[in-house]
């Protein structure tokens, strides 16, 4: 069985060094929001949301480098 290209790139993407800072940013954002909400501190909760764009960009860079998701090759044929 031949796997689509996006599935073949996934294991390589999981070994990417950019996933570590992406995961750290995501955990910091989620942890900061949870901490801020638990302590009724809106400034901390909203400030922690600033980590989400960084995490999204880093995950997007990894996906683009490895051709995963919408960055993968298209199966449509040109007319």
PDB file of N, CA and C in Angstrom:
ATOM      1  N   UNK A   1       0.845  -1.175   0.000  1.00  0.00           N
ATOM      2  CA  UNK A   1       0.000   0.000   0.000  1.00  0.00           C
ATOM      3  C   UNK A   1       0.890   1.238   0.000  1.00  0.00           C
ATOM      4  N   UNK A   2       0.616   2.150  -0.881  1.00  0.00           N
ATOM      5  CA  UNK A   2       1.388   3.374  -0.986  1.00  0.00           C
ATOM      6  C   UNK A   2       0.683   4.463  -0.191  1.00  0.00           C
ATOM      7  N   UNK A   3       1.417   5.065   0.733  1.00  0.00           N
ATOM      8  CA  UNK A   3       0.850   6.139   1.543  1.00  0.00           C
ATOM      9  C   UNK A   3       0.920   7.455   0.790  1.00  0.00           C
ATOM     10  N   UNK A   4      -0.073   8.319   0.990  1.00  0.00           N
ATOM     11  CA  UNK A   4       0.033   9.647   0.389  1.00  0.00           C
ATOM     12  C   UNK A   4       1.245  10.379   0.949  1.00  0.00           C
ATOM     13  N   UNK A   5       1.719  11.342   0.203  1.00  0.00           N
ATOM     14  CA  UNK A   5       2.934  12.045   0.598  1.00  0.00           C
ATOM     15  C   UNK A   5       2.804  12.716   1.966  1.00  0.00           C
ATOM     16  N   UNK A   6       1.628  13.236   2.274  1.00  0.00           N
ATOM     17  CA  UNK A   6       1.456  13.928   3.543  1.00  0.00           C
ATOM     18  C   UNK A   6       1.664  12.977   4.716  1.00  0.00           C
ATOM     19  N   UNK A   7       1.298  11.713   4.564  1.00  0.00           N
ATOM     20  CA  UNK A   7       1.500  10.754   5.645  1.00  0.00           C
ATOM     21  C   UNK A   7       2.963  10.354   5.780  1.00  0.00           C
ATOM     22  N   UNK A   8       3.694  10.362   4.683  1.00  0.00           N
ATOM     23  CA  UNK A   8       5.108  10.013   4.767  1.00  0.00           C
ATOM     24  C   UNK A   8       5.911  11.119   5.432  1.00  0.00           C
ATOM     25  N   UNK A   9       5.475  12.364   5.309  1.00  0.00           N
ATOM     26  CA  UNK A   9       6.190  13.479   5.904  1.00  0.00           C
ATOM     27  C   UNK A   9       5.899  13.665   7.379  1.00  0.00           C
ATOM     28  N   UNK A  10       4.849  13.045   7.875  1.00  0.00           N
ATOM     29  CA  UNK A  10       4.460  13.239   9.269  1.00  0.00           C
ATOM     30  C   UNK A  10       5.504  12.739  10.250  1.00  0.00           C
ATOM     31  N   UNK A  11       6.049  11.513  10.116  1.00  0.00           N
ATOM     32  CA  UNK A  11       7.074  11.095  11.081  1.00  0.00           C
ATOM     33  C   UNK A  11       8.304  11.997  11.066  1.00  0.00           C
ATOM     34  N   UNK A  12       8.690  12.475   9.906  1.00  0.00           N
ATOM     35  CA  UNK A  12       9.833  13.382   9.823  1.00  0.00           C
ATOM     36  C   UNK A  12       9.499  14.712  10.486  1.00  0.00           C
ATOM     37  N   UNK A  13       8.278  15.165  10.345  1.00  0.00           N
ATOM     38  CA  UNK A  13       7.873  16.429  10.961  1.00  0.00           C
ATOM     39  C   UNK A  13       7.862  16.310  12.479  1.00  0.00           C
ATOM     40  N   UNK A  14       7.553  15.143  12.991  1.00  0.00           N
ATOM     41  CA  UNK A  14       7.531  14.956  14.440  1.00  0.00           C
ATOM     42  C   UNK A  14       8.931  15.007  15.038  1.00  0.00           C
ATOM     43  N   UNK A  15       9.959  14.856  14.209  1.00  0.00           N
ATOM     44  CA  UNK A  15      11.341  14.944  14.681  1.00  0.00           C
ATOM     45  C   UNK A  15      11.924  16.337  14.481  1.00  0.00           C
ATOM     46  N   UNK A  16      11.111  17.280  14.028  1.00  0.00           N
ATOM     47  CA  UNK A  16      11.585  18.633  13.765  1.00  0.00           C
ATOM     48  C   UNK A  16      11.922  19.343  15.072  1.00  0.00           C
ATOM     49  N   UNK A  17      13.011  20.091  15.049  1.00  0.00           N
ATOM     50  CA  UNK A  17      13.441  20.821  16.244  1.00  0.00           C
ATOM     51  C   UNK A  17      12.549  22.017  16.540  1.00  0.00           C
ATOM     52  N   UNK A  18      11.801  22.476  15.565  1.00  0.00           N
ATOM     53  CA  UNK A  18      10.910  23.618  15.792  1.00  0.00           C
ATOM     54  C   UNK A  18       9.671  23.240  16.589  1.00  0.00           C
ATOM     55  N   UNK A  19       9.408  21.940  16.730  1.00  0.00           N
ATOM     56  CA  UNK A  19       8.242  21.541  17.501  1.00  0.00           C
ATOM     57  C   UNK A  19       8.422  21.806  18.991  1.00  0.00           C
ATOM     58  N   UNK A  20       9.647  21.811  19.471  1.00  0.00           N
ATOM     59  CA  UNK A  20       9.879  22.054  20.900  1.00  0.00           C
ATOM     60  C   UNK A  20       9.450  23.469  21.284  1.00  0.00           C
ATOM     61  N   UNK A  21       9.937  24.518  20.610  1.00  0.00           N
ATOM     62  CA  UNK A  21       9.447  25.847  20.983  1.00  0.00           C
ATOM     63  C   UNK A  21       7.961  26.049  20.688  1.00  0.00           C
ATOM     64  N   UNK A  22       7.441  25.364  19.664  1.00  0.00           N
ATOM     65  CA  UNK A  22       6.016  25.478  19.374  1.00  0.00           C
ATOM     66  C   UNK A  22       5.193  24.890  20.519  1.00  0.00           C
ATOM     67  N   UNK A  23       5.609  23.744  21.007  1.00  0.00           N
ATOM     68  CA  UNK A  23       4.900  23.121  22.128  1.00  0.00           C
ATOM     69  C   UNK A  23       5.053  23.932  23.407  1.00  0.00           C
ATOM     70  N   UNK A  24       6.230  24.498  23.629  1.00  0.00           N
ATOM     71  CA  UNK A  24       6.445  25.341  24.811  1.00  0.00           C
ATOM     72  C   UNK A  24       5.532  26.565  24.756  1.00  0.00           C
ATOM     73  N   UNK A  25       5.426  27.198  23.604  1.00  0.00           N
ATOM     74  CA  UNK A  25       4.557  28.359  23.464  1.00  0.00           C
ATOM     75  C   UNK A  25       3.095  27.985  23.666  1.00  0.00           C
ATOM     76  N   UNK A  26       2.695  26.836  23.143  1.00  0.00           N
ATOM     77  CA  UNK A  26       1.315  26.393  23.308  1.00  0.00           C
ATOM     78  C   UNK A  26       1.001  26.079  24.767  1.00  0.00           C
ATOM     79  N   UNK A  27       1.913  25.389  25.445  1.00  0.00           N
ATOM     80  CA  UNK A  27       1.712  25.066  26.864  1.00  0.00           C
ATOM     81  C   UNK A  27       1.717  26.339  27.707  1.00  0.00           C
ATOM     82  N   UNK A  28       2.592  27.281  27.382  1.00  0.00           N
ATOM     83  CA  UNK A  28       2.621  28.550  28.122  1.00  0.00           C
ATOM     84  C   UNK A  28       1.309  29.303  27.946  1.00  0.00           C
ATOM     85  N   UNK A  29       0.785  29.310  26.746  1.00  0.00           N
ATOM     86  CA  UNK A  29      -0.478  30.003  26.498  1.00  0.00           C
ATOM     87  C   UNK A  29      -1.616  29.342  27.257  1.00  0.00           C
ATOM     88  N   UNK A  30      -1.727  28.037  27.135  1.00  0.00           N
ATOM     89  CA  UNK A  30      -2.817  27.335  27.806  1.00  0.00           C
ATOM     90  C   UNK A  30      -2.673  27.396  29.324  1.00  0.00           C
ATOM     91  N   UNK A  31      -1.452  27.242  29.813  1.00  0.00           N
ATOM     92  CA  UNK A  31      -1.218  27.323  31.253  1.00  0.00           C
ATOM     93  C   UNK A  31      -1.476  28.710  31.795  1.00  0.00           C
ATOM     94  N   UNK A  32      -1.055  29.733  31.067  1.00  0.00           N
ATOM     95  CA  UNK A  32      -1.287  31.103  31.503  1.00  0.00           C
ATOM     96  C   UNK A  32      -2.757  31.473  31.525  1.00  0.00           C
ATOM     97  N   UNK A  33      -3.487  31.012  30.529  1.00  0.00           N
ATOM     98  CA  UNK A  33      -4.928  31.273  30.501  1.00  0.00           C
ATOM     99  C   UNK A  33      -5.607  30.554  31.663  1.00  0.00           C
ATOM    100  N   UNK A  34      -5.248  29.292  31.875  1.00  0.00           N
ATOM    101  CA  UNK A  34      -5.839  28.540  32.987  1.00  0.00           C
ATOM    102  C   UNK A  34      -5.491  29.176  34.335  1.00  0.00           C
ATOM    103  N   UNK A  35      -4.244  29.591  34.501  1.00  0.00           N
ATOM    104  CA  UNK A  35      -3.829  30.235  35.746  1.00  0.00           C
ATOM    105  C   UNK A  35      -4.560  31.556  35.955  1.00  0.00           C
ATOM    106  N   UNK A  36      -4.649  32.340  34.889  1.00  0.00           N
ATOM    107  CA  UNK A  36      -5.336  33.622  34.989  1.00  0.00           C
ATOM    108  C   UNK A  36      -6.810  33.473  35.317  1.00  0.00           C
ATOM    109  N   UNK A  37      -7.452  32.489  34.703  1.00  0.00           N
ATOM    110  CA  UNK A  37      -8.867  32.266  35.000  1.00  0.00           C
ATOM    111  C   UNK A  37      -9.069  31.728  36.403  1.00  0.00           C
ATOM    112  N   UNK A  38      -8.162  30.860  36.859  1.00  0.00           N
ATOM    113  CA  UNK A  38      -8.283  30.303  38.206  1.00  0.00           C
ATOM    114  C   UNK A  38      -8.085  31.363  39.274  1.00  0.00           C
ATOM    115  N   UNK A  39      -7.252  32.361  39.006  1.00  0.00           N
ATOM    116  CA  UNK A  39      -6.959  33.419  39.980  1.00  0.00           C
ATOM    117  C   UNK A  39      -7.779  34.683  39.740  1.00  0.00           C
ATOM    118  N   UNK A  40      -8.738  34.628  38.822  1.00  0.00           N
ATOM    119  CA  UNK A  40      -9.543  35.797  38.451  1.00  0.00           C
ATOM    120  C   UNK A  40      -8.665  36.973  38.034  1.00  0.00           C
ATOM    121  N   UNK A  41      -7.642  36.665  37.247  1.00  0.00           N
ATOM    122  CA  UNK A  41      -6.708  37.679  36.773  1.00  0.00           C
ATOM    123  C   UNK A  41      -6.828  37.767  35.251  1.00  0.00           C
ATOM    124  N   UNK A  42      -7.618  38.716  34.790  1.00  0.00           N
ATOM    125  CA  UNK A  42      -7.875  38.841  33.357  1.00  0.00           C
ATOM    126  C   UNK A  42      -6.626  39.267  32.591  1.00  0.00           C
ATOM    127  N   UNK A  43      -5.765  40.067  33.223  1.00  0.00           N
ATOM    128  CA  UNK A  43      -4.561  40.539  32.538  1.00  0.00           C
ATOM    129  C   UNK A  43      -3.634  39.364  32.222  1.00  0.00           C
ATOM    130  N   UNK A  44      -3.467  38.461  33.170  1.00  0.00           N
ATOM    131  CA  UNK A  44      -2.623  37.280  32.941  1.00  0.00           C
ATOM    132  C   UNK A  44      -3.234  36.384  31.879  1.00  0.00           C
ATOM    133  N   UNK A  45      -4.532  36.161  31.950  1.00  0.00           N
ATOM    134  CA  UNK A  45      -5.199  35.300  30.974  1.00  0.00           C
ATOM    135  C   UNK A  45      -5.102  35.877  29.566  1.00  0.00           C
ATOM    136  N   UNK A  46      -5.333  37.160  29.432  1.00  0.00           N
ATOM    137  CA  UNK A  46      -5.255  37.782  28.111  1.00  0.00           C
ATOM    138  C   UNK A  46      -3.814  37.905  27.624  1.00  0.00           C
ATOM    139  N   UNK A  47      -2.885  38.155  28.537  1.00  0.00           N
ATOM    140  CA  UNK A  47      -1.478  38.231  28.150  1.00  0.00           C
ATOM    141  C   UNK A  47      -0.942  36.898  27.671  1.00  0.00           C
ATOM    142  N   UNK A  48      -1.428  35.830  28.276  1.00  0.00           N
ATOM    143  CA  UNK A  48      -0.977  34.499  27.858  1.00  0.00           C
ATOM    144  C   UNK A  48      -1.452  34.158  26.454  1.00  0.00           C
ATOM    145  N   UNK A  49      -2.542  34.767  26.030  1.00  0.00           N
ATOM    146  CA  UNK A  49      -3.035  34.521  24.673  1.00  0.00           C
ATOM    147  C   UNK A  49      -2.074  35.024  23.603  1.00  0.00           C
ATOM    148  N   UNK A  50      -1.154  35.894  23.980  1.00  0.00           N
ATOM    149  CA  UNK A  50      -0.175  36.404  23.020  1.00  0.00           C
ATOM    150  C   UNK A  50       0.815  35.332  22.575  1.00  0.00           C
ATOM    151  N   UNK A  51       0.877  34.223  23.287  1.00  0.00           N
ATOM    152  CA  UNK A  51       1.750  33.130  22.883  1.00  0.00           C
ATOM    153  C   UNK A  51       1.137  32.284  21.767  1.00  0.00           C
ATOM    154  N   UNK A  52      -0.157  32.356  21.579  1.00  0.00           N
ATOM    155  CA  UNK A  52      -0.812  31.523  20.570  1.00  0.00           C
ATOM    156  C   UNK A  52      -0.369  31.821  19.140  1.00  0.00           C
ATOM    157  N   UNK A  53      -0.224  33.080  18.722  1.00  0.00           N
ATOM    158  CA  UNK A  53       0.259  33.307  17.351  1.00  0.00           C
ATOM    159  C   UNK A  53       1.658  32.741  17.108  1.00  0.00           C
ATOM    160  N   UNK A  54       2.518  32.821  18.118  1.00  0.00           N
ATOM    161  CA  UNK A  54       3.863  32.260  17.970  1.00  0.00           C
ATOM    162  C   UNK A  54       3.803  30.750  17.781  1.00  0.00           C
ATOM    163  N   UNK A  55       2.981  30.099  18.575  1.00  0.00           N
ATOM    164  CA  UNK A  55       2.836  28.646  18.453  1.00  0.00           C
ATOM    165  C   UNK A  55       2.264  28.279  17.091  1.00  0.00           C
ATOM    166  N   UNK A  56       1.261  29.018  16.647  1.00  0.00           N
ATOM    167  CA  UNK A  56       0.647  28.728  15.347  1.00  0.00           C
ATOM    168  C   UNK A  56       1.649  28.911  14.203  1.00  0.00           C
ATOM    169  N   UNK A  57       2.440  29.975  14.272  1.00  0.00           N
ATOM    170  CA  UNK A  57       3.447  30.201  13.229  1.00  0.00           C
ATOM    171  C   UNK A  57       4.494  29.095  13.210  1.00  0.00           C
ATOM    172  N   UNK A  58       4.948  28.679  14.370  1.00  0.00           N
ATOM    173  CA  UNK A  58       5.959  27.619  14.414  1.00  0.00           C
ATOM    174  C   UNK A  58       5.398  26.296  13.899  1.00  0.00           C
ATOM    175  N   UNK A  59       4.166  25.951  14.287  1.00  0.00           N
ATOM    176  CA  UNK A  59       3.551  24.733  13.758  1.00  0.00           C
ATOM    177  C   UNK A  59       3.356  24.847  12.244  1.00  0.00           C
ATOM    178  N   UNK A  60       3.002  26.031  11.761  1.00  0.00           N
ATOM    179  CA  UNK A  60       2.831  26.240  10.323  1.00  0.00           C
ATOM    180  C   UNK A  60       4.134  26.111   9.558  1.00  0.00           C
ATOM    181  N   UNK A  61       5.225  26.598  10.134  1.00  0.00           N
ATOM    182  CA  UNK A  61       6.534  26.465   9.488  1.00  0.00           C
ATOM    183  C   UNK A  61       6.918  25.001   9.353  1.00  0.00           C
ATOM    184  N   UNK A  62       6.694  24.233  10.411  1.00  0.00           N
ATOM    185  CA  UNK A  62       7.006  22.799  10.361  1.00  0.00           C
ATOM    186  C   UNK A  62       6.140  22.114   9.310  1.00  0.00           C
ATOM    187  N   UNK A  63       4.854  22.450   9.271  1.00  0.00           N
ATOM    188  CA  UNK A  63       3.957  21.832   8.293  1.00  0.00           C
ATOM    189  C   UNK A  63       4.367  22.179   6.868  1.00  0.00           C
ATOM    190  N   UNK A  64       4.761  23.415   6.645  1.00  0.00           N
ATOM    191  CA  UNK A  64       5.148  23.815   5.297  1.00  0.00           C
ATOM    192  C   UNK A  64       6.451  23.142   4.866  1.00  0.00           C
ATOM    193  N   UNK A  65       7.398  23.045   5.763  1.00  0.00           N
ATOM    194  CA  UNK A  65       8.671  22.401   5.421  1.00  0.00           C
ATOM    195  C   UNK A  65       8.506  20.932   5.069  1.00  0.00           C
ATOM    196  N   UNK A  66       7.519  20.275   5.686  1.00  0.00           N
ATOM    197  CA  UNK A  66       7.342  18.842   5.474  1.00  0.00           C
ATOM    198  C   UNK A  66       6.149  18.526   4.586  1.00  0.00           C
ATOM    199  N   UNK A  67       5.479  19.532   4.059  1.00  0.00           N
ATOM    200  CA  UNK A  67       4.374  19.308   3.125  1.00  0.00           C
ATOM    201  C   UNK A  67       3.189  18.611   3.747  1.00  0.00           C
ATOM    202  N   UNK A  68       2.800  19.043   4.936  1.00  0.00           N
ATOM    203  CA  UNK A  68       1.705  18.399   5.655  1.00  0.00           C
ATOM    204  C   UNK A  68       0.483  19.299   5.594  1.00  0.00           C
ATOM    205  N   UNK A  69      -0.692  18.689   5.519  1.00  0.00           N
ATOM    206  CA  UNK A  69      -1.944  19.438   5.547  1.00  0.00           C
ATOM    207  C   UNK A  69      -2.153  20.229   4.274  1.00  0.00           C
ATOM    208  N   UNK A  70      -2.614  21.475   4.406  1.00  0.00           N
ATOM    209  CA  UNK A  70      -2.903  22.253   3.197  1.00  0.00           C
ATOM    210  C   UNK A  70      -1.645  22.644   2.427  1.00  0.00           C
ATOM    211  N   UNK A  71      -0.473  22.413   3.013  1.00  0.00           N
ATOM    212  CA  UNK A  71       0.783  22.748   2.340  1.00  0.00           C
ATOM    213  C   UNK A  71       1.311  21.592   1.502  1.00  0.00           C
ATOM    214  N   UNK A  72       0.607  20.464   1.527  1.00  0.00           N
ATOM    215  CA  UNK A  72       1.033  19.300   0.764  1.00  0.00           C
ATOM    216  C   UNK A  72       0.740  19.473  -0.716  1.00  0.00           C
ATOM    217  N   UNK A  73       1.236  18.554  -1.505  1.00  0.00           N
ATOM    218  CA  UNK A  73       0.988  18.635  -2.944  1.00  0.00           C
ATOM    219  C   UNK A  73      -0.486  18.394  -3.256  1.00  0.00           C
ATOM    220  N   UNK A  74      -0.979  19.066  -4.251  1.00  0.00           N
ATOM    221  CA  UNK A  74      -2.381  18.932  -4.640  1.00  0.00           C
ATOM    222  C   UNK A  74      -2.557  17.703  -5.523  1.00  0.00           C
ATOM    223  N   UNK A  75      -3.687  17.028  -5.352  1.00  0.00           N
ATOM    224  CA  UNK A  75      -4.002  15.873  -6.174  1.00  0.00           C
ATOM    225  C   UNK A  75      -4.804  16.252  -7.418  1.00  0.00           C
ATOM    226  N   UNK A  76      -5.165  17.531  -7.545  1.00  0.00           N
ATOM    227  CA  UNK A  76      -5.926  17.992  -8.701  1.00  0.00           C
ATOM    228  C   UNK A  76      -5.018  18.085  -9.909  1.00  0.00           C
ATOM    229  N   UNK A  77      -5.604  17.797 -11.037  1.00  0.00           N
ATOM    230  CA  UNK A  77      -4.853  17.904 -12.295  1.00  0.00           C
ATOM    231  C   UNK A  77      -5.195  19.226 -12.960  1.00  0.00           C
ATOM    232  N   UNK A  78      -4.168  19.865 -13.472  1.00  0.00           N
ATOM    233  CA  UNK A  78      -4.375  21.142 -14.161  1.00  0.00           C
ATOM    234  C   UNK A  78      -5.028  20.944 -15.513  1.00  0.00           C
ATOM    235  N   UNK A  79      -5.822  21.904 -15.915  1.00  0.00           N
ATOM    236  CA  UNK A  79      -6.490  21.805 -17.227  1.00  0.00           C
ATOM    237  C   UNK A  79      -5.644  22.393 -18.314  1.00  0.00           C
TER     238      UNK A  79
END
